[in-house]
Amino acid sequence: MLDISGGQILADSGAADSVIELKNVDLSLGRAAARVHILKQVSLNVGRGEAIGLVGPSGSGKSTLLMTLAGLERADAGSVIIDGQDLSALNEDGLAKFRGRRIGIVFQSFHLIPTMTALENVAVPLELAGMADARARAKAELAAVGLGDRLSHYPSQLSGGEQQRVALARAMAPNPAILVADEPTGNLDEATGNSVIELMFRLKNDRGATLVLVTHDLNLAARCDRMVRIRSGRIESDRAAVAA
């Protein structure tokens, strides 16, 4: 549900089926005099199946916010509830297990293990999560991203676009409730990046997953349901996106 406030179209933060609920989140990084206050009283609700584009200047806190809701950074204050789970209640092992099953992550730099094949890069995290059909699921996911014939190739034998497709297959393999992507096309040329984005949105829609996307590309952010603008660690605006 949307309402109009102060001249902006704002997303209703009281969605009945929120899969991401952040309330008054603060987070600082670094030690002693080098400690920097990154996130400041951030509150954000995202409904199940929504796509959110996080935009803002470099250093504004976009990626830190993404890492916080993915459980890769812990908030100093406030609450982070993901798919009904309060992340502060989990120890590191519990957080890793929860993330492995409920949150898919795609990074700009792929983060594939160079000594593992495409199949192993997708299957091993599933095996570690205790999924009995890990290799079969990995094969199916790689086929879904158009890499069914590249299962035995190592990252060095794949193009940048193919590596990002492997990373996307790895992220989607557990059928996560949430897919988070941090500048997923940043290391790709325009044509390859566009193909990866088309694939990402198709998989997101097919699976009914929630997507949180950090990007500097306003046209890409406009493809999402909402565009959330971050500045100096605070949410500056949260409005319905308007596709170009």
C-alpha atoms as a PDB file:
ATOM      1  CA  MET A   1       0.000   0.000   0.000  1.00  0.00           C
ATOM      2  CA  LEU A   2       1.287   3.475  -0.874  1.00  0.00           C
ATOM      3  CA  ASP A   3       0.468   6.924   0.474  1.00  0.00           C
ATOM      4  CA  ILE A   4       1.504  10.429  -0.477  1.00  0.00           C
ATOM      5  CA  SER A   5       3.323  12.503   2.125  1.00  0.00           C
ATOM      6  CA  GLY A   6       5.223  15.729   1.748  1.00  0.00           C
ATOM      7  CA  GLY A   7       5.067  15.550  -2.026  1.00  0.00           C
ATOM      8  CA  GLN A   8       6.662  12.110  -2.161  1.00  0.00           C
ATOM      9  CA  ILE A   9       5.080   8.730  -2.761  1.00  0.00           C
ATOM     10  CA  LEU A  10       6.096   6.755   0.287  1.00  0.00           C
ATOM     11  CA  ALA A  11       5.876   3.028   0.790  1.00  0.00           C
ATOM     12  CA  ASP A  12       3.635   2.016   3.666  1.00  0.00           C
ATOM     13  CA  SER A  13       5.944   0.744   6.426  1.00  0.00           C
ATOM     14  CA  GLY A  14       3.132  -1.201   8.038  1.00  0.00           C
ATOM     15  CA  ALA A  15       2.980  -3.971   5.458  1.00  0.00           C
ATOM     16  CA  ALA A  16       1.306  -7.047   6.912  1.00  0.00           C
ATOM     17  CA  ASP A  17       3.813  -9.465   5.369  1.00  0.00           C
ATOM     18  CA  SER A  18       7.162  -7.752   5.851  1.00  0.00           C
ATOM     19  CA  VAL A  19      10.142  -9.990   5.211  1.00  0.00           C
ATOM     20  CA  ILE A  20      12.652  -7.275   6.208  1.00  0.00           C
ATOM     21  CA  GLU A  21      12.037  -5.120   9.284  1.00  0.00           C
ATOM     22  CA  LEU A  22      14.734  -2.710  10.441  1.00  0.00           C
ATOM     23  CA  LYS A  23      13.943  -0.326  13.284  1.00  0.00           C
ATOM     24  CA  ASN A  24      16.226   2.472  14.523  1.00  0.00           C
ATOM     25  CA  VAL A  25      19.367   0.656  13.407  1.00  0.00           C
ATOM     26  CA  ASP A  26      22.716   2.196  14.284  1.00  0.00           C
ATOM     27  CA  LEU A  27      26.062   0.774  13.252  1.00  0.00           C
ATOM     28  CA  SER A  28      29.637   2.022  13.586  1.00  0.00           C
ATOM     29  CA  LEU A  29      32.760   0.456  12.094  1.00  0.00           C
ATOM     30  CA  GLY A  30      36.402   0.769  13.083  1.00  0.00           C
ATOM     31  CA  ARG A  31      38.127   1.144  16.427  1.00  0.00           C
ATOM     32  CA  ALA A  32      38.839   3.986  18.830  1.00  0.00           C
ATOM     33  CA  ALA A  33      39.528   7.279  17.028  1.00  0.00           C
ATOM     34  CA  ALA A  34      39.064   5.585  13.646  1.00  0.00           C
ATOM     35  CA  ARG A  35      35.522   4.450  14.510  1.00  0.00           C
ATOM     36  CA  VAL A  36      32.970   5.856  12.077  1.00  0.00           C
ATOM     37  CA  HIS A  37      29.210   6.055  12.613  1.00  0.00           C
ATOM     38  CA  ILE A  38      27.868   4.547   9.354  1.00  0.00           C
ATOM     39  CA  LEU A  39      24.143   3.861   9.857  1.00  0.00           C
ATOM     40  CA  LYS A  40      22.067   6.309  11.885  1.00  0.00           C
ATOM     41  CA  GLN A  41      18.574   5.451  13.115  1.00  0.00           C
ATOM     42  CA  VAL A  42      17.668   3.529   9.956  1.00  0.00           C
ATOM     43  CA  SER A  43      14.159   2.073   9.795  1.00  0.00           C
ATOM     44  CA  LEU A  44      12.997   0.115   6.764  1.00  0.00           C
ATOM     45  CA  ASN A  45      10.220  -2.368   6.007  1.00  0.00           C
ATOM     46  CA  VAL A  46      10.202  -4.484   2.855  1.00  0.00           C
ATOM     47  CA  GLY A  47       7.275  -6.666   1.865  1.00  0.00           C
ATOM     48  CA  ARG A  48       7.582 -10.240   0.684  1.00  0.00           C
ATOM     49  CA  GLY A  49       8.281 -10.343  -3.053  1.00  0.00           C
ATOM     50  CA  GLU A  50       9.159  -6.638  -3.301  1.00  0.00           C
ATOM     51  CA  ALA A  51      12.185  -5.322  -5.159  1.00  0.00           C
ATOM     52  CA  ILE A  52      14.020  -2.421  -3.511  1.00  0.00           C
ATOM     53  CA  GLY A  53      16.740  -0.326  -5.153  1.00  0.00           C
ATOM     54  CA  LEU A  54      19.185   1.266  -2.686  1.00  0.00           C
ATOM     55  CA  VAL A  55      20.823   4.359  -4.170  1.00  0.00           C
ATOM     56  CA  GLY A  56      22.958   7.222  -2.910  1.00  0.00           C
ATOM     57  CA  PRO A  57      26.458   8.705  -3.096  1.00  0.00           C
ATOM     58  CA  SER A  58      29.562   6.622  -2.503  1.00  0.00           C
ATOM     59  CA  GLY A  59      30.152   6.297   1.229  1.00  0.00           C
ATOM     60  CA  SER A  60      26.521   6.948   2.094  1.00  0.00           C
ATOM     61  CA  GLY A  61      26.044   3.575   3.791  1.00  0.00           C
ATOM     62  CA  LYS A  62      24.226   1.617   1.064  1.00  0.00           C
ATOM     63  CA  SER A  63      26.470  -1.436   1.126  1.00  0.00           C
ATOM     64  CA  THR A  64      26.707  -1.387   4.922  1.00  0.00           C
ATOM     65  CA  LEU A  65      22.920  -1.384   5.132  1.00  0.00           C
ATOM     66  CA  LEU A  66      22.828  -4.317   2.725  1.00  0.00           C
ATOM     67  CA  MET A  67      25.407  -6.232   4.756  1.00  0.00           C
ATOM     68  CA  THR A  68      23.477  -5.514   7.966  1.00  0.00           C
ATOM     69  CA  LEU A  69      20.195  -6.893   6.709  1.00  0.00           C
ATOM     70  CA  ALA A  70      22.086  -9.887   5.280  1.00  0.00           C
ATOM     71  CA  GLY A  71      23.582 -10.596   8.705  1.00  0.00           C
ATOM     72  CA  LEU A  72      27.164  -9.936   7.593  1.00  0.00           C
ATOM     73  CA  GLU A  73      27.402  -6.916   9.910  1.00  0.00           C
ATOM     74  CA  ARG A  74      25.767  -6.707  13.339  1.00  0.00           C
ATOM     75  CA  ALA A  75      23.873  -3.578  14.352  1.00  0.00           C
ATOM     76  CA  ASP A  76      25.075  -1.765  17.482  1.00  0.00           C
ATOM     77  CA  ALA A  77      21.525  -0.711  18.319  1.00  0.00           C
ATOM     78  CA  GLY A  78      18.017  -1.172  16.982  1.00  0.00           C
ATOM     79  CA  SER A  79      16.391  -4.333  15.663  1.00  0.00           C
ATOM     80  CA  VAL A  80      16.960  -6.346  12.481  1.00  0.00           C
ATOM     81  CA  ILE A  81      14.233  -8.914  11.827  1.00  0.00           C
ATOM     82  CA  ILE A  82      14.586 -10.955   8.652  1.00  0.00           C
ATOM     83  CA  ASP A  83      11.873 -13.395   7.556  1.00  0.00           C
ATOM     84  CA  GLY A  84      10.555 -13.375  11.115  1.00  0.00           C
ATOM     85  CA  GLN A  85      13.956 -14.012  12.727  1.00  0.00           C
ATOM     86  CA  ASP A  86      15.546 -11.457  15.041  1.00  0.00           C
ATOM     87  CA  LEU A  87      19.186 -11.626  13.948  1.00  0.00           C
ATOM     88  CA  SER A  88      20.446 -10.385  17.328  1.00  0.00           C
ATOM     89  CA  ALA A  89      19.158 -13.611  18.904  1.00  0.00           C
ATOM     90  CA  LEU A  90      21.501 -15.777  16.809  1.00  0.00           C
ATOM     91  CA  ASN A  91      25.121 -16.616  17.552  1.00  0.00           C
ATOM     92  CA  GLU A  92      27.612 -16.663  14.676  1.00  0.00           C
ATOM     93  CA  ASP A  93      26.940 -20.311  13.785  1.00  0.00           C
ATOM     94  CA  GLY A  94      23.199 -19.814  13.913  1.00  0.00           C
ATOM     95  CA  LEU A  95      23.479 -16.673  11.834  1.00  0.00           C
ATOM     96  CA  ALA A  96      25.561 -18.466   9.192  1.00  0.00           C
ATOM     97  CA  LYS A  97      23.027 -21.302   8.991  1.00  0.00           C
ATOM     98  CA  PHE A  98      20.103 -18.893   8.742  1.00  0.00           C
ATOM     99  CA  ARG A  99      21.849 -16.853   6.053  1.00  0.00           C
ATOM    100  CA  GLY A 100      22.732 -19.975   4.091  1.00  0.00           C
ATOM    101  CA  ARG A 101      19.094 -21.007   3.834  1.00  0.00           C
ATOM    102  CA  ARG A 102      17.144 -17.739   3.765  1.00  0.00           C
ATOM    103  CA  ILE A 103      19.412 -15.094   2.178  1.00  0.00           C
ATOM    104  CA  GLY A 104      21.109 -15.253  -1.231  1.00  0.00           C
ATOM    105  CA  ILE A 105      23.993 -12.832  -1.779  1.00  0.00           C
ATOM    106  CA  VAL A 106      25.509 -11.602  -5.047  1.00  0.00           C
ATOM    107  CA  PHE A 107      28.627  -9.413  -4.891  1.00  0.00           C
ATOM    108  CA  GLN A 108      30.201  -7.157  -7.494  1.00  0.00           C
ATOM    109  CA  SER A 109      33.404  -9.241  -7.536  1.00  0.00           C
ATOM    110  CA  PHE A 110      31.680 -12.667  -7.835  1.00  0.00           C
ATOM    111  CA  HIS A 111      33.477 -14.251  -4.803  1.00  0.00           C
ATOM    112  CA  LEU A 112      33.815 -17.650  -6.463  1.00  0.00           C
ATOM    113  CA  ILE A 113      36.368 -20.144  -5.121  1.00  0.00           C
ATOM    114  CA  PRO A 114      39.018 -20.371  -7.889  1.00  0.00           C
ATOM    115  CA  THR A 115      39.972 -23.994  -7.176  1.00  0.00           C
ATOM    116  CA  MET A 116      36.369 -25.218  -7.509  1.00  0.00           C
ATOM    117  CA  THR A 117      34.386 -25.834 -10.679  1.00  0.00           C
ATOM    118  CA  ALA A 118      31.153 -24.001 -11.381  1.00  0.00           C
ATOM    119  CA  LEU A 119      29.231 -27.025 -10.116  1.00  0.00           C
ATOM    120  CA  GLU A 120      31.283 -27.210  -6.920  1.00  0.00           C
ATOM    121  CA  ASN A 121      30.928 -23.474  -6.266  1.00  0.00           C
ATOM    122  CA  VAL A 122      27.151 -23.886  -6.248  1.00  0.00           C
ATOM    123  CA  ALA A 123      26.945 -27.346  -4.637  1.00  0.00           C
ATOM    124  CA  VAL A 124      29.398 -27.007  -1.758  1.00  0.00           C
ATOM    125  CA  PRO A 125      27.428 -24.320   0.158  1.00  0.00           C
ATOM    126  CA  LEU A 126      24.330 -26.509  -0.203  1.00  0.00           C
ATOM    127  CA  GLU A 127      26.231 -29.525   1.114  1.00  0.00           C
ATOM    128  CA  LEU A 128      27.501 -27.497   4.067  1.00  0.00           C
ATOM    129  CA  ALA A 129      23.892 -26.523   4.779  1.00  0.00           C
ATOM    130  CA  GLY A 130      23.019 -30.221   4.952  1.00  0.00           C
ATOM    131  CA  MET A 131      20.968 -30.471   1.757  1.00  0.00           C
ATOM    132  CA  ALA A 132      21.001 -34.073   0.529  1.00  0.00           C
ATOM    133  CA  ASP A 133      20.326 -33.228  -3.131  1.00  0.00           C
ATOM    134  CA  ALA A 134      23.022 -30.557  -3.312  1.00  0.00           C
ATOM    135  CA  ARG A 135      24.688 -31.582  -6.589  1.00  0.00           C
ATOM    136  CA  ALA A 136      21.416 -32.198  -8.401  1.00  0.00           C
ATOM    137  CA  ARG A 137      20.098 -28.835  -7.259  1.00  0.00           C
ATOM    138  CA  ALA A 138      23.349 -27.140  -8.273  1.00  0.00           C
ATOM    139  CA  LYS A 139      23.122 -28.653 -11.764  1.00  0.00           C
ATOM    140  CA  ALA A 140      19.536 -27.460 -12.097  1.00  0.00           C
ATOM    141  CA  GLU A 141      20.417 -23.931 -10.971  1.00  0.00           C
ATOM    142  CA  LEU A 142      23.339 -23.687 -13.373  1.00  0.00           C
ATOM    143  CA  ALA A 143      21.078 -24.867 -16.179  1.00  0.00           C
ATOM    144  CA  ALA A 144      18.563 -22.185 -15.164  1.00  0.00           C
ATOM    145  CA  VAL A 145      21.192 -19.462 -15.676  1.00  0.00           C
ATOM    146  CA  GLY A 146      22.288 -20.908 -19.029  1.00  0.00           C
ATOM    147  CA  LEU A 147      25.433 -22.680 -17.840  1.00  0.00           C
ATOM    148  CA  GLY A 148      24.346 -26.310 -18.059  1.00  0.00           C
ATOM    149  CA  ASP A 149      27.285 -26.985 -20.369  1.00  0.00           C
ATOM    150  CA  ARG A 150      29.886 -25.270 -18.148  1.00  0.00           C
ATOM    151  CA  LEU A 151      29.573 -27.377 -14.993  1.00  0.00           C
ATOM    152  CA  SER A 152      33.189 -28.555 -14.954  1.00  0.00           C
ATOM    153  CA  HIS A 153      34.743 -25.186 -15.822  1.00  0.00           C
ATOM    154  CA  TYR A 154      36.778 -23.262 -13.247  1.00  0.00           C
ATOM    155  CA  PRO A 155      36.217 -19.526 -12.693  1.00  0.00           C
ATOM    156  CA  SER A 156      39.375 -18.686 -14.672  1.00  0.00           C
ATOM    157  CA  GLN A 157      37.841 -20.485 -17.659  1.00  0.00           C
ATOM    158  CA  LEU A 158      34.646 -18.421 -17.509  1.00  0.00           C
ATOM    159  CA  SER A 159      33.942 -14.894 -18.696  1.00  0.00           C
ATOM    160  CA  GLY A 160      32.945 -12.220 -16.189  1.00  0.00           C
ATOM    161  CA  GLY A 161      29.306 -12.579 -17.142  1.00  0.00           C
ATOM    162  CA  GLU A 162      29.477 -16.355 -16.744  1.00  0.00           C
ATOM    163  CA  GLN A 163      31.126 -16.005 -13.343  1.00  0.00           C
ATOM    164  CA  GLN A 164      28.342 -13.694 -12.188  1.00  0.00           C
ATOM    165  CA  ARG A 165      25.780 -16.206 -13.453  1.00  0.00           C
ATOM    166  CA  VAL A 166      27.467 -18.884 -11.331  1.00  0.00           C
ATOM    167  CA  ALA A 167      27.301 -16.495  -8.364  1.00  0.00           C
ATOM    168  CA  LEU A 168      23.612 -15.906  -9.069  1.00  0.00           C
ATOM    169  CA  ALA A 169      22.965 -19.662  -9.314  1.00  0.00           C
ATOM    170  CA  ARG A 170      24.746 -20.135  -5.981  1.00  0.00           C
ATOM    171  CA  ALA A 171      22.643 -17.382  -4.379  1.00  0.00           C
ATOM    172  CA  MET A 172      19.330 -18.752  -5.662  1.00  0.00           C
ATOM    173  CA  ALA A 173      20.026 -22.467  -5.108  1.00  0.00           C
ATOM    174  CA  PRO A 174      18.612 -22.627  -1.534  1.00  0.00           C
ATOM    175  CA  ASN A 175      15.431 -20.851  -2.745  1.00  0.00           C
ATOM    176  CA  PRO A 176      16.073 -17.950  -0.350  1.00  0.00           C
ATOM    177  CA  ALA A 177      13.364 -15.615   0.861  1.00  0.00           C
ATOM    178  CA  ILE A 178      15.664 -12.673   0.122  1.00  0.00           C
ATOM    179  CA  LEU A 179      18.204 -11.979  -2.612  1.00  0.00           C
ATOM    180  CA  VAL A 180      20.634  -9.146  -1.923  1.00  0.00           C
ATOM    181  CA  ALA A 181      22.919  -7.830  -4.650  1.00  0.00           C
ATOM    182  CA  ASP A 182      25.696  -5.260  -4.225  1.00  0.00           C
ATOM    183  CA  GLU A 183      26.496  -3.568  -7.558  1.00  0.00           C
ATOM    184  CA  PRO A 184      26.133  -6.935  -9.366  1.00  0.00           C
ATOM    185  CA  THR A 185      27.021  -5.456 -12.776  1.00  0.00           C
ATOM    186  CA  GLY A 186      29.895  -3.257 -11.577  1.00  0.00           C
ATOM    187  CA  ASN A 187      32.584  -5.471 -13.152  1.00  0.00           C
ATOM    188  CA  LEU A 188      30.672  -6.226 -16.357  1.00  0.00           C
ATOM    189  CA  ASP A 189      30.301  -4.437 -19.671  1.00  0.00           C
ATOM    190  CA  GLU A 190      26.900  -2.917 -20.422  1.00  0.00           C
ATOM    191  CA  ALA A 191      25.526  -5.708 -22.600  1.00  0.00           C
ATOM    192  CA  THR A 192      26.668  -8.470 -20.264  1.00  0.00           C
ATOM    193  CA  GLY A 193      25.444  -6.547 -17.243  1.00  0.00           C
ATOM    194  CA  ASN A 194      22.014  -6.097 -18.815  1.00  0.00           C
ATOM    195  CA  SER A 195      21.723  -9.819 -19.472  1.00  0.00           C
ATOM    196  CA  VAL A 196      22.636 -10.621 -15.856  1.00  0.00           C
ATOM    197  CA  ILE A 197      20.066  -8.126 -14.566  1.00  0.00           C
ATOM    198  CA  GLU A 198      17.349  -9.563 -16.804  1.00  0.00           C
ATOM    199  CA  LEU A 199      18.164 -13.003 -15.456  1.00  0.00           C
ATOM    200  CA  MET A 200      18.195 -11.776 -11.850  1.00  0.00           C
ATOM    201  CA  PHE A 201      14.756 -10.179 -12.126  1.00  0.00           C
ATOM    202  CA  ARG A 202      13.352 -13.222 -13.917  1.00  0.00           C
ATOM    203  CA  LEU A 203      14.592 -15.591 -11.215  1.00  0.00           C
ATOM    204  CA  LYS A 204      13.374 -13.240  -8.503  1.00  0.00           C
ATOM    205  CA  ASN A 205       9.908 -13.107 -10.042  1.00  0.00           C
ATOM    206  CA  ASP A 206       9.757 -16.853 -10.735  1.00  0.00           C
ATOM    207  CA  ARG A 207      10.679 -17.689  -7.133  1.00  0.00           C
ATOM    208  CA  GLY A 208       8.699 -14.930  -5.425  1.00  0.00           C
ATOM    209  CA  ALA A 209      11.850 -13.750  -3.640  1.00  0.00           C
ATOM    210  CA  THR A 210      12.413 -10.303  -2.199  1.00  0.00           C
ATOM    211  CA  LEU A 211      15.233  -8.383  -3.909  1.00  0.00           C
ATOM    212  CA  VAL A 212      17.384  -5.691  -2.311  1.00  0.00           C
ATOM    213  CA  LEU A 213      19.724  -4.166  -4.882  1.00  0.00           C
ATOM    214  CA  VAL A 214      22.500  -1.634  -4.297  1.00  0.00           C
ATOM    215  CA  THR A 215      23.300   0.317  -7.443  1.00  0.00           C
ATOM    216  CA  HIS A 216      24.571   3.667  -8.729  1.00  0.00           C
ATOM    217  CA  ASP A 217      22.452   3.180 -11.858  1.00  0.00           C
ATOM    218  CA  LEU A 218      19.188   5.069 -11.365  1.00  0.00           C
ATOM    219  CA  ASN A 219      17.671   3.412 -14.441  1.00  0.00           C
ATOM    220  CA  LEU A 220      18.325   0.022 -12.885  1.00  0.00           C
ATOM    221  CA  ALA A 221      16.953   1.137  -9.518  1.00  0.00           C
ATOM    222  CA  ALA A 222      13.833   2.390 -11.323  1.00  0.00           C
ATOM    223  CA  ARG A 223      13.075  -1.192 -12.365  1.00  0.00           C
ATOM    224  CA  CYS A 224      12.442  -2.017  -8.725  1.00  0.00           C
ATOM    225  CA  ASP A 225       9.163  -1.447  -6.897  1.00  0.00           C
ATOM    226  CA  ARG A 226      10.709   1.133  -4.596  1.00  0.00           C
ATOM    227  CA  MET A 227      13.781   3.356  -4.669  1.00  0.00           C
ATOM    228  CA  VAL A 228      15.342   4.032  -1.263  1.00  0.00           C
ATOM    229  CA  ARG A 229      17.875   6.845  -1.215  1.00  0.00           C
ATOM    230  CA  ILE A 230      20.600   6.793   1.467  1.00  0.00           C
ATOM    231  CA  ARG A 231      22.641   9.850   2.398  1.00  0.00           C
ATOM    232  CA  SER A 232      25.123  10.157   5.265  1.00  0.00           C
ATOM    233  CA  GLY A 233      23.869   6.952   6.835  1.00  0.00           C
ATOM    234  CA  ARG A 234      20.205   7.929   6.904  1.00  0.00           C
ATOM    235  CA  ILE A 235      17.258   7.161   4.660  1.00  0.00           C
ATOM    236  CA  GLU A 236      16.657  10.395   2.785  1.00  0.00           C
ATOM    237  CA  SER A 237      13.671   9.176   0.742  1.00  0.00           C
ATOM    238  CA  ASP A 238      11.660   6.013   0.205  1.00  0.00           C
ATOM    239  CA  ARG A 239       9.333   6.143  -2.762  1.00  0.00           C
ATOM    240  CA  ALA A 240       7.732   4.094  -5.464  1.00  0.00           C
ATOM    241  CA  ALA A 241      10.148   3.671  -8.366  1.00  0.00           C
ATOM    242  CA  VAL A 242       9.104   4.942 -11.771  1.00  0.00           C
ATOM    243  CA  ALA A 243      10.616   3.014 -14.676  1.00  0.00           C
ATOM    244  CA  ALA A 244      12.217   5.132 -17.371  1.00  0.00           C
END
